Protein backbone atom coordinates (compact mmCIF):
# COMPACT_ATOMS: atom_id res chain seq x y z
CA UNK A 1 -69.92 128.22 192.66
CA UNK A 2 -68.22 126.32 195.61
CA UNK A 3 -66.11 128.74 197.76
CA UNK A 4 -64.95 126.16 200.42
CA UNK A 5 -61.61 124.46 200.87
CA UNK A 6 -61.35 120.89 199.89
CA UNK A 7 -59.81 118.15 201.73
CA UNK A 8 -56.61 118.10 199.38
CA UNK A 9 -55.75 121.68 199.97
CA UNK A 10 -55.48 121.09 203.69
CA UNK A 11 -53.69 118.01 203.80
CA UNK A 12 -51.26 118.25 200.99
CA UNK A 13 -48.21 120.41 200.79
CA UNK A 14 -46.47 121.26 197.50
CA UNK A 15 -44.27 118.25 196.49
CA UNK A 16 -40.36 119.27 196.86
CA UNK A 17 -38.87 116.13 195.25
CA UNK A 18 -38.70 114.96 191.59
CA UNK A 19 -40.01 111.60 190.69
CA UNK A 20 -37.11 109.75 189.34
CA UNK A 21 -38.72 106.74 188.03
CA UNK A 22 -39.54 108.19 184.62
CA UNK A 23 -36.13 109.54 184.42
CA UNK A 24 -34.56 106.29 185.09
CA UNK A 25 -36.76 104.65 182.43
CA UNK A 26 -35.83 107.21 179.89
CA UNK A 27 -32.16 106.97 180.55
CA UNK A 28 -32.32 103.09 180.33
CA UNK A 29 -33.83 103.09 177.00
CA UNK A 30 -31.33 105.66 175.79
CA UNK A 31 -28.50 103.40 177.20
CA UNK A 32 -29.96 100.48 175.20
CA UNK A 33 -30.20 102.30 172.04
CA UNK A 34 -26.72 103.76 172.14
CA UNK A 35 -25.19 100.25 173.13
CA UNK A 36 -27.17 98.80 170.10
CA UNK A 37 -26.09 101.37 167.71
CA UNK A 38 -22.39 102.05 168.70
CA UNK A 39 -20.89 99.06 167.23
CA UNK A 40 -22.64 99.73 163.85
CA UNK A 41 -20.86 103.01 163.43
CA UNK A 42 -17.56 101.33 163.69
CA UNK A 43 -17.89 98.57 161.29
CA UNK A 44 -17.50 98.93 157.69
CA UNK A 45 -20.58 98.39 155.41
CA UNK A 46 -20.25 96.03 152.33
CA UNK A 47 -21.54 98.06 149.47
CA UNK A 48 -21.82 96.88 145.78
CA UNK A 49 -20.77 100.01 143.75
CA UNK A 50 -22.66 100.15 140.44
CA UNK A 51 -20.74 99.85 137.13
CA UNK A 52 -20.39 103.00 135.26
CA UNK A 53 -18.89 103.90 131.81
CA UNK A 54 -16.81 107.19 131.93
CA UNK A 55 -15.54 108.96 129.02
CA UNK A 56 -11.75 109.10 128.56
CA UNK A 57 -10.04 112.20 129.83
CA UNK A 58 -8.91 114.71 127.18
CA UNK A 59 -5.35 116.20 127.97
CA UNK A 60 -2.83 118.20 126.03
CA UNK A 61 -0.04 116.83 128.16
CA UNK A 62 1.10 113.20 128.39
CA UNK A 63 1.03 112.09 132.02
CA UNK A 64 3.54 110.37 133.71
CA UNK A 65 2.31 106.76 134.54
CA UNK A 66 3.61 104.85 137.55
CA UNK A 67 2.72 101.22 137.07
CA UNK A 68 2.59 98.69 139.87
CA UNK A 69 2.50 94.93 138.85
CA UNK A 70 0.98 92.13 140.90
CA UNK A 71 4.46 91.05 142.02
CA UNK A 72 5.26 94.54 143.29
CA UNK A 73 7.59 95.69 140.43
CA UNK A 74 7.35 99.55 139.74
CA UNK A 75 7.72 100.74 136.26
CA UNK A 76 7.85 104.55 135.29
CA UNK A 77 6.38 104.80 131.84
CA UNK A 78 7.90 101.56 130.43
CA UNK A 79 11.00 101.48 132.37
CA UNK A 80 11.36 99.24 135.55
CA UNK A 81 12.65 101.17 138.61
CA UNK A 82 13.43 100.36 141.93
CA UNK A 83 11.23 102.02 144.59
CA UNK A 84 14.34 103.77 146.33
CA UNK A 85 14.80 105.73 142.86
CA UNK A 86 11.07 106.60 142.42
CA UNK A 87 10.92 109.72 144.38
CA UNK A 88 14.21 111.28 143.08
CA UNK A 89 13.33 110.66 139.55
CA UNK A 90 9.96 112.07 139.90
CA UNK A 91 11.24 115.18 141.74
CA UNK A 92 13.66 115.78 138.70
CA UNK A 93 10.87 115.29 136.24
CA UNK A 94 8.56 117.64 138.02
CA UNK A 95 11.48 120.33 138.10
CA UNK A 96 11.54 120.17 134.18
CA UNK A 97 7.66 120.20 133.87
CA UNK A 98 6.08 121.53 136.96
CA UNK A 99 2.31 120.71 135.85
CA UNK A 100 3.13 117.29 134.73
CA UNK A 101 0.09 114.99 135.82
CA UNK A 102 0.90 111.74 137.40
CA UNK A 103 -1.27 108.57 137.32
CA UNK A 104 -0.92 105.25 139.18
CA UNK A 105 -1.92 102.13 137.27
CA UNK A 106 -2.05 99.00 139.93
CA UNK A 107 -2.83 95.50 138.93
CA UNK A 108 -5.93 94.24 140.57
CA UNK A 109 -3.96 91.60 142.45
CA UNK A 110 -1.47 94.47 143.74
CA UNK A 111 -1.51 94.51 147.55
CA UNK A 112 -2.94 97.69 148.80
CA UNK A 113 0.07 98.39 150.95
CA UNK A 114 2.43 98.62 147.97
CA UNK A 115 0.07 101.03 146.24
CA UNK A 116 -0.18 103.11 149.50
CA UNK A 117 3.86 102.86 149.85
CA UNK A 118 4.05 104.44 146.22
CA UNK A 119 1.34 107.21 147.00
CA UNK A 120 3.36 108.09 150.17
CA UNK A 121 6.59 108.41 148.29
CA UNK A 122 4.97 110.73 145.63
CA UNK A 123 3.53 112.88 148.54
CA UNK A 124 7.14 113.27 150.04
CA UNK A 125 8.19 114.16 146.38
CA UNK A 126 5.75 117.29 146.70
CA UNK A 127 3.06 115.83 144.66
CA UNK A 128 -0.41 116.56 146.08
CA UNK A 129 -2.61 115.26 143.25
CA UNK A 130 -2.24 111.71 141.83
CA UNK A 131 -4.77 110.09 139.48
CA UNK A 132 -5.67 106.40 139.68
CA UNK A 133 -5.97 104.70 136.36
CA UNK A 134 -8.63 101.82 136.07
CA UNK A 135 -9.94 99.73 133.25
CA UNK A 136 -13.52 100.02 132.18
CA UNK A 137 -15.80 97.18 133.32
CA UNK A 138 -16.37 94.66 130.69
C-alpha cells in the first residue's frame, strides 16, 4: 500500500466556486420548455364529444320552462314574455312553489350571450340550479 503524498494533494486546494455551466444549461432547457408549453395552456382544445342516449328525467312536479328562440324571443311555458318581466315573474312563481325546477330550452341558433343573459337574470332571482334542455341526437 502506498503511503506517500501524490502530486494532486500538494498542488490543488479545495474548489471554492460552483461550476455554473451545467446550471445555465439546465435553466435554458427549462426556459425553452416553459416557452413552448405556456401558449398551449391558454388555448382551447377542439373536442368532438361523443353522442349519448340518456333516459328521460322522471319528475313529480312539472318544471317551469324558459324557451329562447333563435331570434331572441323569450317564452315562459307557452307565453311570450319581455326579458324585463322574466325575473319578477319567476320570483313570484318561486314564492308560490319554492322547489319548482327551472329548465332553459335554447334554440341551436340562439346566440350564447342571450342564454347567458337569461341565466344571469335567473341568478338574480335567487335561482341557483337551472337545467338546460337538449334534444337527443338523431
